[in-house]
Amino acid sequence: MSKNPDFELFKEEFPEVFNKFGELFQSVSSKALDEKTKQLVYLGILTANRYGPAIRVHIAKALEAGATPEEIKEAMMLAIPAGGLCDFLSVLPDMIEELEK
């Protein structure tokens, strides 16, 4: 699975903050959504934020959780009306490359 180099650097440089970030994630992540749905939501948000390195990681996690390439593409394209076409286009190469692995 791909690793986000930015996230790894954050973990290395600021371990205490990194741990607190993990606690935040745990506090907002209940059992209401299954893992596949969570990953698809993440992909939509990350697309709207144009964050390719994390998209690569979460595509792998979504596939691992049972998402299909079509579901991943749709989740990411849902960011177009909310975030704009440029947001989607900026991460389109990351999506294609990760899905072709």
PDB file of N, CA and C in Angstrom:
ATOM      1  N   MET A   1       0.836  -1.172   0.000  1.00  0.00           N
ATOM      2  CA  MET A   1       0.000   0.000   0.000  1.00  0.00           C
ATOM      3  C   MET A   1       0.884   1.240   0.000  1.00  0.00           C
ATOM      4  N   SER A   2       0.462   2.238  -0.741  1.00  0.00           N
ATOM      5  CA  SER A   2       1.191   3.498  -0.798  1.00  0.00           C
ATOM      6  C   SER A   2       1.206   4.178   0.562  1.00  0.00           C
ATOM      7  N   LYS A   3       2.270   4.918   0.803  1.00  0.00           N
ATOM      8  CA  LYS A   3       2.355   5.741   2.006  1.00  0.00           C
ATOM      9  C   LYS A   3       2.392   7.193   1.566  1.00  0.00           C
ATOM     10  N   ASN A   4       1.774   8.022   2.343  1.00  0.00           N
ATOM     11  CA  ASN A   4       1.779   9.450   2.079  1.00  0.00           C
ATOM     12  C   ASN A   4       3.070  10.024   2.664  1.00  0.00           C
ATOM     13  N   PRO A   5       4.007  10.458   1.828  1.00  0.00           N
ATOM     14  CA  PRO A   5       5.281  10.949   2.349  1.00  0.00           C
ATOM     15  C   PRO A   5       5.115  12.176   3.244  1.00  0.00           C
ATOM     16  N   ASP A   6       4.133  13.003   2.967  1.00  0.00           N
ATOM     17  CA  ASP A   6       3.894  14.177   3.800  1.00  0.00           C
ATOM     18  C   ASP A   6       3.450  13.760   5.205  1.00  0.00           C
ATOM     19  N   PHE A   7       2.574  12.774   5.259  1.00  0.00           N
ATOM     20  CA  PHE A   7       2.063  12.277   6.540  1.00  0.00           C
ATOM     21  C   PHE A   7       3.183  11.614   7.335  1.00  0.00           C
ATOM     22  N   GLU A   8       4.041  10.886   6.652  1.00  0.00           N
ATOM     23  CA  GLU A   8       5.181  10.241   7.315  1.00  0.00           C
ATOM     24  C   GLU A   8       6.139  11.286   7.886  1.00  0.00           C
ATOM     25  N   LEU A   9       6.362  12.366   7.159  1.00  0.00           N
ATOM     26  CA  LEU A   9       7.217  13.447   7.644  1.00  0.00           C
ATOM     27  C   LEU A   9       6.586  14.126   8.860  1.00  0.00           C
ATOM     28  N   PHE A  10       5.288  14.355   8.796  1.00  0.00           N
ATOM     29  CA  PHE A  10       4.543  14.927   9.921  1.00  0.00           C
ATOM     30  C   PHE A  10       4.713  14.049  11.162  1.00  0.00           C
ATOM     31  N   LYS A  11       4.568  12.746  10.985  1.00  0.00           N
ATOM     32  CA  LYS A  11       4.717  11.770  12.078  1.00  0.00           C
ATOM     33  C   LYS A  11       6.124  11.833  12.678  1.00  0.00           C
ATOM     34  N   GLU A  12       7.121  11.941  11.816  1.00  0.00           N
ATOM     35  CA  GLU A  12       8.513  11.967  12.260  1.00  0.00           C
ATOM     36  C   GLU A  12       8.877  13.267  12.974  1.00  0.00           C
ATOM     37  N   GLU A  13       8.435  14.382  12.420  1.00  0.00           N
ATOM     38  CA  GLU A  13       8.815  15.691  12.948  1.00  0.00           C
ATOM     39  C   GLU A  13       7.995  16.119  14.165  1.00  0.00           C
ATOM     40  N   PHE A  14       6.748  15.677  14.224  1.00  0.00           N
ATOM     41  CA  PHE A  14       5.849  16.117  15.290  1.00  0.00           C
ATOM     42  C   PHE A  14       5.094  14.926  15.879  1.00  0.00           C
ATOM     43  N   PRO A  15       5.800  13.987  16.509  1.00  0.00           N
ATOM     44  CA  PRO A  15       5.151  12.755  16.974  1.00  0.00           C
ATOM     45  C   PRO A  15       4.012  12.986  17.971  1.00  0.00           C
ATOM     46  N   GLU A  16       4.154  13.956  18.848  1.00  0.00           N
ATOM     47  CA  GLU A  16       3.090  14.194  19.828  1.00  0.00           C
ATOM     48  C   GLU A  16       1.816  14.703  19.142  1.00  0.00           C
ATOM     49  N   VAL A  17       1.974  15.619  18.219  1.00  0.00           N
ATOM     50  CA  VAL A  17       0.821  16.148  17.484  1.00  0.00           C
ATOM     51  C   VAL A  17       0.222  15.045  16.614  1.00  0.00           C
ATOM     52  N   PHE A  18       1.090  14.234  16.015  1.00  0.00           N
ATOM     53  CA  PHE A  18       0.632  13.112  15.204  1.00  0.00           C
ATOM     54  C   PHE A  18      -0.262  12.185  16.029  1.00  0.00           C
ATOM     55  N   ASN A  19       0.169  11.875  17.254  1.00  0.00           N
ATOM     56  CA  ASN A  19      -0.620  11.004  18.129  1.00  0.00           C
ATOM     57  C   ASN A  19      -1.958  11.639  18.484  1.00  0.00           C
ATOM     58  N   LYS A  20      -1.965  12.935  18.732  1.00  0.00           N
ATOM     59  CA  LYS A  20      -3.213  13.645  19.036  1.00  0.00           C
ATOM     60  C   LYS A  20      -4.139  13.636  17.820  1.00  0.00           C
ATOM     61  N   PHE A  21      -3.550  13.752  16.647  1.00  0.00           N
ATOM     62  CA  PHE A  21      -4.340  13.686  15.420  1.00  0.00           C
ATOM     63  C   PHE A  21      -5.015  12.322  15.308  1.00  0.00           C
ATOM     64  N   GLY A  22      -4.281  11.261  15.635  1.00  0.00           N
ATOM     65  CA  GLY A  22      -4.853   9.918  15.631  1.00  0.00           C
ATOM     66  C   GLY A  22      -5.997   9.790  16.615  1.00  0.00           C
ATOM     67  N   GLU A  23      -5.859  10.422  17.773  1.00  0.00           N
ATOM     68  CA  GLU A  23      -6.937  10.408  18.765  1.00  0.00           C
ATOM     69  C   GLU A  23      -8.159  11.151  18.238  1.00  0.00           C
ATOM     70  N   LEU A  24      -7.934  12.256  17.541  1.00  0.00           N
ATOM     71  CA  LEU A  24      -9.046  12.995  16.944  1.00  0.00           C
ATOM     72  C   LEU A  24      -9.782  12.120  15.941  1.00  0.00           C
ATOM     73  N   PHE A  25      -9.029  11.446  15.092  1.00  0.00           N
ATOM     74  CA  PHE A  25      -9.643  10.554  14.111  1.00  0.00           C
ATOM     75  C   PHE A  25     -10.519   9.512  14.811  1.00  0.00           C
ATOM     76  N   GLN A  26      -9.985   8.900  15.856  1.00  0.00           N
ATOM     77  CA  GLN A  26     -10.742   7.880  16.590  1.00  0.00           C
ATOM     78  C   GLN A  26     -12.003   8.462  17.221  1.00  0.00           C
ATOM     79  N   SER A  27     -11.921   9.695  17.702  1.00  0.00           N
ATOM     80  CA  SER A  27     -13.073  10.288  18.382  1.00  0.00           C
ATOM     81  C   SER A  27     -14.208  10.639  17.426  1.00  0.00           C
ATOM     82  N   VAL A  28     -13.905  10.891  16.171  1.00  0.00           N
ATOM     83  CA  VAL A  28     -14.969  11.224  15.218  1.00  0.00           C
ATOM     84  C   VAL A  28     -15.383  10.038  14.356  1.00  0.00           C
ATOM     85  N   SER A  29     -14.725   8.930  14.499  1.00  0.00           N
ATOM     86  CA  SER A  29     -15.010   7.751  13.687  1.00  0.00           C
ATOM     87  C   SER A  29     -15.749   6.714  14.518  1.00  0.00           C
ATOM     88  N   SER A  30     -17.045   6.667  14.344  1.00  0.00           N
ATOM     89  CA  SER A  30     -17.846   5.684  15.083  1.00  0.00           C
ATOM     90  C   SER A  30     -18.054   4.446  14.214  1.00  0.00           C
ATOM     91  N   LYS A  31     -18.994   3.651  14.604  1.00  0.00           N
ATOM     92  CA  LYS A  31     -19.313   2.434  13.849  1.00  0.00           C
ATOM     93  C   LYS A  31     -20.523   2.630  12.941  1.00  0.00           C
ATOM     94  N   ALA A  32     -21.001   3.865  12.796  1.00  0.00           N
ATOM     95  CA  ALA A  32     -22.185   4.122  11.974  1.00  0.00           C
ATOM     96  C   ALA A  32     -21.934   3.848  10.489  1.00  0.00           C
ATOM     97  N   LEU A  33     -20.714   4.096  10.041  1.00  0.00           N
ATOM     98  CA  LEU A  33     -20.365   3.855   8.640  1.00  0.00           C
ATOM     99  C   LEU A  33     -19.407   2.682   8.547  1.00  0.00           C
ATOM    100  N   ASP A  34     -19.608   1.856   7.542  1.00  0.00           N
ATOM    101  CA  ASP A  34     -18.653   0.771   7.345  1.00  0.00           C
ATOM    102  C   ASP A  34     -17.370   1.337   6.721  1.00  0.00           C
ATOM    103  N   GLU A  35     -16.308   0.542   6.739  1.00  0.00           N
ATOM    104  CA  GLU A  35     -14.997   1.017   6.302  1.00  0.00           C
ATOM    105  C   GLU A  35     -15.003   1.447   4.835  1.00  0.00           C
ATOM    106  N   LYS A  36     -15.694   0.721   3.983  1.00  0.00           N
ATOM    107  CA  LYS A  36     -15.749   1.078   2.570  1.00  0.00           C
ATOM    108  C   LYS A  36     -16.369   2.466   2.396  1.00  0.00           C
ATOM    109  N   THR A  37     -17.470   2.706   3.082  1.00  0.00           N
ATOM    110  CA  THR A  37     -18.140   4.005   2.979  1.00  0.00           C
ATOM    111  C   THR A  37     -17.248   5.116   3.502  1.00  0.00           C
ATOM    112  N   LYS A  38     -16.572   4.878   4.622  1.00  0.00           N
ATOM    113  CA  LYS A  38     -15.658   5.886   5.170  1.00  0.00           C
ATOM    114  C   LYS A  38     -14.580   6.241   4.150  1.00  0.00           C
ATOM    115  N   GLN A  39     -14.018   5.250   3.500  1.00  0.00           N
ATOM    116  CA  GLN A  39     -12.951   5.507   2.530  1.00  0.00           C
ATOM    117  C   GLN A  39     -13.479   6.275   1.327  1.00  0.00           C
ATOM    118  N   LEU A  40     -14.689   5.974   0.894  1.00  0.00           N
ATOM    119  CA  LEU A  40     -15.277   6.699  -0.237  1.00  0.00           C
ATOM    120  C   LEU A  40     -15.538   8.158   0.141  1.00  0.00           C
ATOM    121  N   VAL A  41     -16.001   8.394   1.363  1.00  0.00           N
ATOM    122  CA  VAL A  41     -16.204   9.767   1.839  1.00  0.00           C
ATOM    123  C   VAL A  41     -14.864  10.498   1.871  1.00  0.00           C
ATOM    124  N   TYR A  42     -13.863   9.841   2.429  1.00  0.00           N
ATOM    125  CA  TYR A  42     -12.516  10.429   2.465  1.00  0.00           C
ATOM    126  C   TYR A  42     -12.069  10.836   1.060  1.00  0.00           C
ATOM    127  N   LEU A  43     -12.285   9.960   0.094  1.00  0.00           N
ATOM    128  CA  LEU A  43     -11.831  10.254  -1.264  1.00  0.00           C
ATOM    129  C   LEU A  43     -12.524  11.471  -1.843  1.00  0.00           C
ATOM    130  N   GLY A  44     -13.803  11.631  -1.563  1.00  0.00           N
ATOM    131  CA  GLY A  44     -14.499  12.825  -2.030  1.00  0.00           C
ATOM    132  C   GLY A  44     -13.931  14.087  -1.403  1.00  0.00           C
ATOM    133  N   ILE A  45     -13.686  14.035  -0.107  1.00  0.00           N
ATOM    134  CA  ILE A  45     -13.136  15.194   0.602  1.00  0.00           C
ATOM    135  C   ILE A  45     -11.717  15.499   0.131  1.00  0.00           C
ATOM    136  N   LEU A  46     -10.898  14.468   0.010  1.00  0.00           N
ATOM    137  CA  LEU A  46      -9.519  14.674  -0.428  1.00  0.00           C
ATOM    138  C   LEU A  46      -9.456  15.210  -1.853  1.00  0.00           C
ATOM    139  N   THR A  47     -10.397  14.790  -2.693  1.00  0.00           N
ATOM    140  CA  THR A  47     -10.459  15.315  -4.058  1.00  0.00           C
ATOM    141  C   THR A  47     -10.772  16.806  -4.025  1.00  0.00           C
ATOM    142  N   ALA A  48     -11.765  17.186  -3.218  1.00  0.00           N
ATOM    143  CA  ALA A  48     -12.130  18.603  -3.113  1.00  0.00           C
ATOM    144  C   ALA A  48     -10.974  19.430  -2.563  1.00  0.00           C
ATOM    145  N   ASN A  49     -10.105  18.795  -1.791  1.00  0.00           N
ATOM    146  CA  ASN A  49      -8.940  19.484  -1.232  1.00  0.00           C
ATOM    147  C   ASN A  49      -7.681  19.330  -2.084  1.00  0.00           C
ATOM    148  N   ARG A  50      -7.792  18.633  -3.195  1.00  0.00           N
ATOM    149  CA  ARG A  50      -6.679  18.450  -4.145  1.00  0.00           C
ATOM    150  C   ARG A  50      -5.462  17.794  -3.519  1.00  0.00           C
ATOM    151  N   TYR A  51      -5.664  16.773  -2.730  1.00  0.00           N
ATOM    152  CA  TYR A  51      -4.523  16.193  -2.018  1.00  0.00           C
ATOM    153  C   TYR A  51      -4.176  14.804  -2.540  1.00  0.00           C
ATOM    154  N   GLY A  52      -3.407  14.771  -3.613  1.00  0.00           N
ATOM    155  CA  GLY A  52      -3.023  13.548  -4.301  1.00  0.00           C
ATOM    156  C   GLY A  52      -2.327  12.495  -3.461  1.00  0.00           C
ATOM    157  N   PRO A  53      -1.344  12.856  -2.619  1.00  0.00           N
ATOM    158  CA  PRO A  53      -0.654  11.815  -1.845  1.00  0.00           C
ATOM    159  C   PRO A  53      -1.607  11.010  -0.953  1.00  0.00           C
ATOM    160  N   ALA A  54      -2.555  11.680  -0.334  1.00  0.00           N
ATOM    161  CA  ALA A  54      -3.510  10.961   0.520  1.00  0.00           C
ATOM    162  C   ALA A  54      -4.519  10.188  -0.312  1.00  0.00           C
ATOM    163  N   ILE A  55      -4.843  10.702  -1.485  1.00  0.00           N
ATOM    164  CA  ILE A  55      -5.777   9.994  -2.368  1.00  0.00           C
ATOM    165  C   ILE A  55      -5.217   8.624  -2.720  1.00  0.00           C
ATOM    166  N   ARG A  56      -3.935   8.558  -2.988  1.00  0.00           N
ATOM    167  CA  ARG A  56      -3.315   7.271  -3.324  1.00  0.00           C
ATOM    168  C   ARG A  56      -3.479   6.273  -2.179  1.00  0.00           C
ATOM    169  N   VAL A  57      -3.257   6.728  -0.964  1.00  0.00           N
ATOM    170  CA  VAL A  57      -3.384   5.856   0.213  1.00  0.00           C
ATOM    171  C   VAL A  57      -4.827   5.402   0.387  1.00  0.00           C
ATOM    172  N   HIS A  58      -5.766   6.344   0.254  1.00  0.00           N
ATOM    173  CA  HIS A  58      -7.163   6.007   0.515  1.00  0.00           C
ATOM    174  C   HIS A  58      -7.817   5.235  -0.623  1.00  0.00           C
ATOM    175  N   ILE A  59      -7.297   5.344  -1.830  1.00  0.00           N
ATOM    176  CA  ILE A  59      -7.779   4.455  -2.898  1.00  0.00           C
ATOM    177  C   ILE A  59      -7.414   3.018  -2.544  1.00  0.00           C
ATOM    178  N   ALA A  60      -6.184   2.808  -2.118  1.00  0.00           N
ATOM    179  CA  ALA A  60      -5.763   1.455  -1.730  1.00  0.00           C
ATOM    180  C   ALA A  60      -6.612   0.938  -0.575  1.00  0.00           C
ATOM    181  N   LYS A  61      -6.885   1.789   0.408  1.00  0.00           N
ATOM    182  CA  LYS A  61      -7.710   1.372   1.548  1.00  0.00           C
ATOM    183  C   LYS A  61      -9.150   1.087   1.106  1.00  0.00           C
ATOM    184  N   ALA A  62      -9.671   1.888   0.189  1.00  0.00           N
ATOM    185  CA  ALA A  62     -11.030   1.664  -0.306  1.00  0.00           C
ATOM    186  C   ALA A  62     -11.127   0.335  -1.052  1.00  0.00           C
ATOM    187  N   LEU A  63     -10.138   0.062  -1.895  1.00  0.00           N
ATOM    188  CA  LEU A  63     -10.132  -1.218  -2.614  1.00  0.00           C
ATOM    189  C   LEU A  63     -10.046  -2.378  -1.630  1.00  0.00           C
ATOM    190  N   GLU A  64      -9.201  -2.220  -0.624  1.00  0.00           N
ATOM    191  CA  GLU A  64      -9.044  -3.247   0.404  1.00  0.00           C
ATOM    192  C   GLU A  64     -10.353  -3.477   1.170  1.00  0.00           C
ATOM    193  N   ALA A  65     -11.141  -2.414   1.325  1.00  0.00           N
ATOM    194  CA  ALA A  65     -12.413  -2.498   2.049  1.00  0.00           C
ATOM    195  C   ALA A  65     -13.558  -2.980   1.165  1.00  0.00           C
ATOM    196  N   GLY A  66     -13.252  -3.245  -0.120  1.00  0.00           N
ATOM    197  CA  GLY A  66     -14.264  -3.812  -1.009  1.00  0.00           C
ATOM    198  C   GLY A  66     -14.868  -2.868  -2.024  1.00  0.00           C
ATOM    199  N   ALA A  67     -14.381  -1.638  -2.098  1.00  0.00           N
ATOM    200  CA  ALA A  67     -14.891  -0.696  -3.096  1.00  0.00           C
ATOM    201  C   ALA A  67     -14.416  -1.103  -4.488  1.00  0.00           C
ATOM    202  N   THR A  68     -15.237  -0.848  -5.461  1.00  0.00           N
ATOM    203  CA  THR A  68     -14.861  -1.114  -6.851  1.00  0.00           C
ATOM    204  C   THR A  68     -14.223   0.145  -7.437  1.00  0.00           C
ATOM    205  N   PRO A  69     -13.452  -0.006  -8.509  1.00  0.00           N
ATOM    206  CA  PRO A  69     -12.917   1.183  -9.173  1.00  0.00           C
ATOM    207  C   PRO A  69     -14.018   2.161  -9.596  1.00  0.00           C
ATOM    208  N   GLU A  70     -15.165   1.652 -10.008  1.00  0.00           N
ATOM    209  CA  GLU A  70     -16.272   2.514 -10.413  1.00  0.00           C
ATOM    210  C   GLU A  70     -16.801   3.321  -9.232  1.00  0.00           C
ATOM    211  N   GLU A  71     -16.899   2.692  -8.053  1.00  0.00           N
ATOM    212  CA  GLU A  71     -17.352   3.404  -6.857  1.00  0.00           C
ATOM    213  C   GLU A  71     -16.355   4.484  -6.465  1.00  0.00           C
ATOM    214  N   ILE A  72     -15.089   4.182  -6.582  1.00  0.00           N
ATOM    215  CA  ILE A  72     -14.042   5.149  -6.250  1.00  0.00           C
ATOM    216  C   ILE A  72     -14.110   6.343  -7.194  1.00  0.00           C
ATOM    217  N   LYS A  73     -14.230   6.066  -8.474  1.00  0.00           N
ATOM    218  CA  LYS A  73     -14.320   7.157  -9.454  1.00  0.00           C
ATOM    219  C   LYS A  73     -15.533   8.034  -9.186  1.00  0.00           C
ATOM    220  N   GLU A  74     -16.662   7.409  -8.890  1.00  0.00           N
ATOM    221  CA  GLU A  74     -17.876   8.185  -8.628  1.00  0.00           C
ATOM    222  C   GLU A  74     -17.728   9.030  -7.368  1.00  0.00           C
ATOM    223  N   ALA A  75     -17.176   8.451  -6.319  1.00  0.00           N
ATOM    224  CA  ALA A  75     -16.981   9.199  -5.071  1.00  0.00           C
ATOM    225  C   ALA A  75     -16.103  10.423  -5.321  1.00  0.00           C
ATOM    226  N   MET A  76     -15.091  10.256  -6.129  1.00  0.00           N
ATOM    227  CA  MET A  76     -14.188  11.367  -6.409  1.00  0.00           C
ATOM    228  C   MET A  76     -14.837  12.391  -7.338  1.00  0.00           C
ATOM    229  N   MET A  77     -15.632  11.934  -8.296  1.00  0.00           N
ATOM    230  CA  MET A  77     -16.293  12.874  -9.202  1.00  0.00           C
ATOM    231  C   MET A  77     -17.393  13.664  -8.501  1.00  0.00           C
ATOM    232  N   LEU A  78     -17.920  13.143  -7.388  1.00  0.00           N
ATOM    233  CA  LEU A  78     -18.922  13.897  -6.634  1.00  0.00           C
ATOM    234  C   LEU A  78     -18.343  15.188  -6.067  1.00  0.00           C
ATOM    235  N   ALA A  79     -17.036  15.290  -6.021  1.00  0.00           N
ATOM    236  CA  ALA A  79     -16.398  16.521  -5.562  1.00  0.00           C
ATOM    237  C   ALA A  79     -16.494  17.629  -6.614  1.00  0.00           C
ATOM    238  N   ILE A  80     -16.788  17.288  -7.850  1.00  0.00           N
ATOM    239  CA  ILE A  80     -16.825  18.307  -8.906  1.00  0.00           C
ATOM    240  C   ILE A  80     -17.881  19.378  -8.619  1.00  0.00           C
ATOM    241  N   PRO A  81     -19.149  19.021  -8.331  1.00  0.00           N
ATOM    242  CA  PRO A  81     -20.129  20.081  -8.063  1.00  0.00           C
ATOM    243  C   PRO A  81     -19.813  20.885  -6.801  1.00  0.00           C
ATOM    244  N   ALA A  82     -19.238  20.233  -5.799  1.00  0.00           N
ATOM    245  CA  ALA A  82     -18.961  20.916  -4.537  1.00  0.00           C
ATOM    246  C   ALA A  82     -17.665  21.710  -4.571  1.00  0.00           C
ATOM    247  N   GLY A  83     -16.625  21.137  -5.173  1.00  0.00           N
ATOM    248  CA  GLY A  83     -15.314  21.769  -5.132  1.00  0.00           C
ATOM    249  C   GLY A  83     -14.875  22.388  -6.441  1.00  0.00           C
ATOM    250  N   GLY A  84     -15.449  21.918  -7.533  1.00  0.00           N
ATOM    251  CA  GLY A  84     -15.086  22.441  -8.838  1.00  0.00           C
ATOM    252  C   GLY A  84     -14.298  21.432  -9.660  1.00  0.00           C
ATOM    253  N   LEU A  85     -14.373  21.600 -10.947  1.00  0.00           N
ATOM    254  CA  LEU A  85     -13.709  20.691 -11.874  1.00  0.00           C
ATOM    255  C   LEU A  85     -12.194  20.721 -11.702  1.00  0.00           C
ATOM    256  N   CYS A  86     -11.627  21.882 -11.412  1.00  0.00           N
ATOM    257  CA  CYS A  86     -10.164  21.980 -11.262  1.00  0.00           C
ATOM    258  C   CYS A  86      -9.654  21.120 -10.121  1.00  0.00           C
ATOM    259  N   ASP A  87     -10.427  21.024  -9.033  1.00  0.00           N
ATOM    260  CA  ASP A  87     -10.019  20.167  -7.921  1.00  0.00           C
ATOM    261  C   ASP A  87      -9.905  18.729  -8.389  1.00  0.00           C
ATOM    262  N   PHE A  88     -10.918  18.266  -9.116  1.00  0.00           N
ATOM    263  CA  PHE A  88     -10.914  16.898  -9.620  1.00  0.00           C
ATOM    264  C   PHE A  88      -9.771  16.683 -10.602  1.00  0.00           C
ATOM    265  N   LEU A  89      -9.600  17.610 -11.522  1.00  0.00           N
ATOM    266  CA  LEU A  89      -8.556  17.454 -12.534  1.00  0.00           C
ATOM    267  C   LEU A  89      -7.164  17.422 -11.918  1.00  0.00           C
ATOM    268  N   SER A  90      -6.985  18.122 -10.810  1.00  0.00           N
ATOM    269  CA  SER A  90      -5.658  18.156 -10.192  1.00  0.00           C
ATOM    270  C   SER A  90      -5.248  16.812  -9.610  1.00  0.00           C
ATOM    271  N   VAL A  91      -6.212  15.963  -9.276  1.00  0.00           N
ATOM    272  CA  VAL A  91      -5.889  14.651  -8.698  1.00  0.00           C
ATOM    273  C   VAL A  91      -6.226  13.496  -9.635  1.00  0.00           C
ATOM    274  N   LEU A  92      -6.764  13.809 -10.811  1.00  0.00           N
ATOM    275  CA  LEU A  92      -7.107  12.762 -11.771  1.00  0.00           C
ATOM    276  C   LEU A  92      -5.920  11.857 -12.112  1.00  0.00           C
ATOM    277  N   PRO A  93      -4.721  12.389 -12.361  1.00  0.00           N
ATOM    278  CA  PRO A  93      -3.581  11.494 -12.637  1.00  0.00           C
ATOM    279  C   PRO A  93      -3.279  10.544 -11.470  1.00  0.00           C
ATOM    280  N   ASP A  94      -3.413  11.031 -10.231  1.00  0.00           N
ATOM    281  CA  ASP A  94      -3.188  10.171  -9.061  1.00  0.00           C
ATOM    282  C   ASP A  94      -4.203   9.039  -9.040  1.00  0.00           C
ATOM    283  N   MET A  95      -5.460   9.370  -9.324  1.00  0.00           N
ATOM    284  CA  MET A  95      -6.514   8.363  -9.326  1.00  0.00           C
ATOM    285  C   MET A  95      -6.234   7.288 -10.374  1.00  0.00           C
ATOM    286  N   ILE A  96      -5.965   7.723 -11.580  1.00  0.00           N
ATOM    287  CA  ILE A  96      -5.740   6.771 -12.668  1.00  0.00           C
ATOM    288  C   ILE A  96      -4.533   5.885 -12.376  1.00  0.00           C
ATOM    289  N   GLU A  97      -3.444   6.489 -11.957  1.00  0.00           N
ATOM    290  CA  GLU A  97      -2.228   5.718 -11.688  1.00  0.00           C
ATOM    291  C   GLU A  97      -2.454   4.692 -10.559  1.00  0.00           C
ATOM    292  N   GLU A  98      -3.141   5.106  -9.515  1.00  0.00           N
ATOM    293  CA  GLU A  98      -3.361   4.199  -8.384  1.00  0.00           C
ATOM    294  C   GLU A  98      -4.312   3.066  -8.761  1.00  0.00           C
ATOM    295  N   LEU A  99      -5.329   3.352  -9.556  1.00  0.00           N
ATOM    296  CA  LEU A  99      -6.276   2.307  -9.950  1.00  0.00           C
ATOM    297  C   LEU A  99      -5.685   1.345 -10.971  1.00  0.00           C
ATOM    298  N   GLU A 100      -4.644   1.761 -11.666  1.00  0.00           N
ATOM    299  CA  GLU A 100      -4.017   0.886 -12.665  1.00  0.00           C
ATOM    300  C   GLU A 100      -2.985  -0.061 -12.056  1.00  0.00           C
ATOM    301  N   LYS A 101      -2.720   0.062 -10.755  1.00  0.00           N
ATOM    302  CA  LYS A 101      -1.728  -0.817 -10.106  1.00  0.00           C
ATOM    303  C   LYS A 101      -2.227  -2.237 -10.065  1.00  0.00           C
TER     304      LYS A 101
END
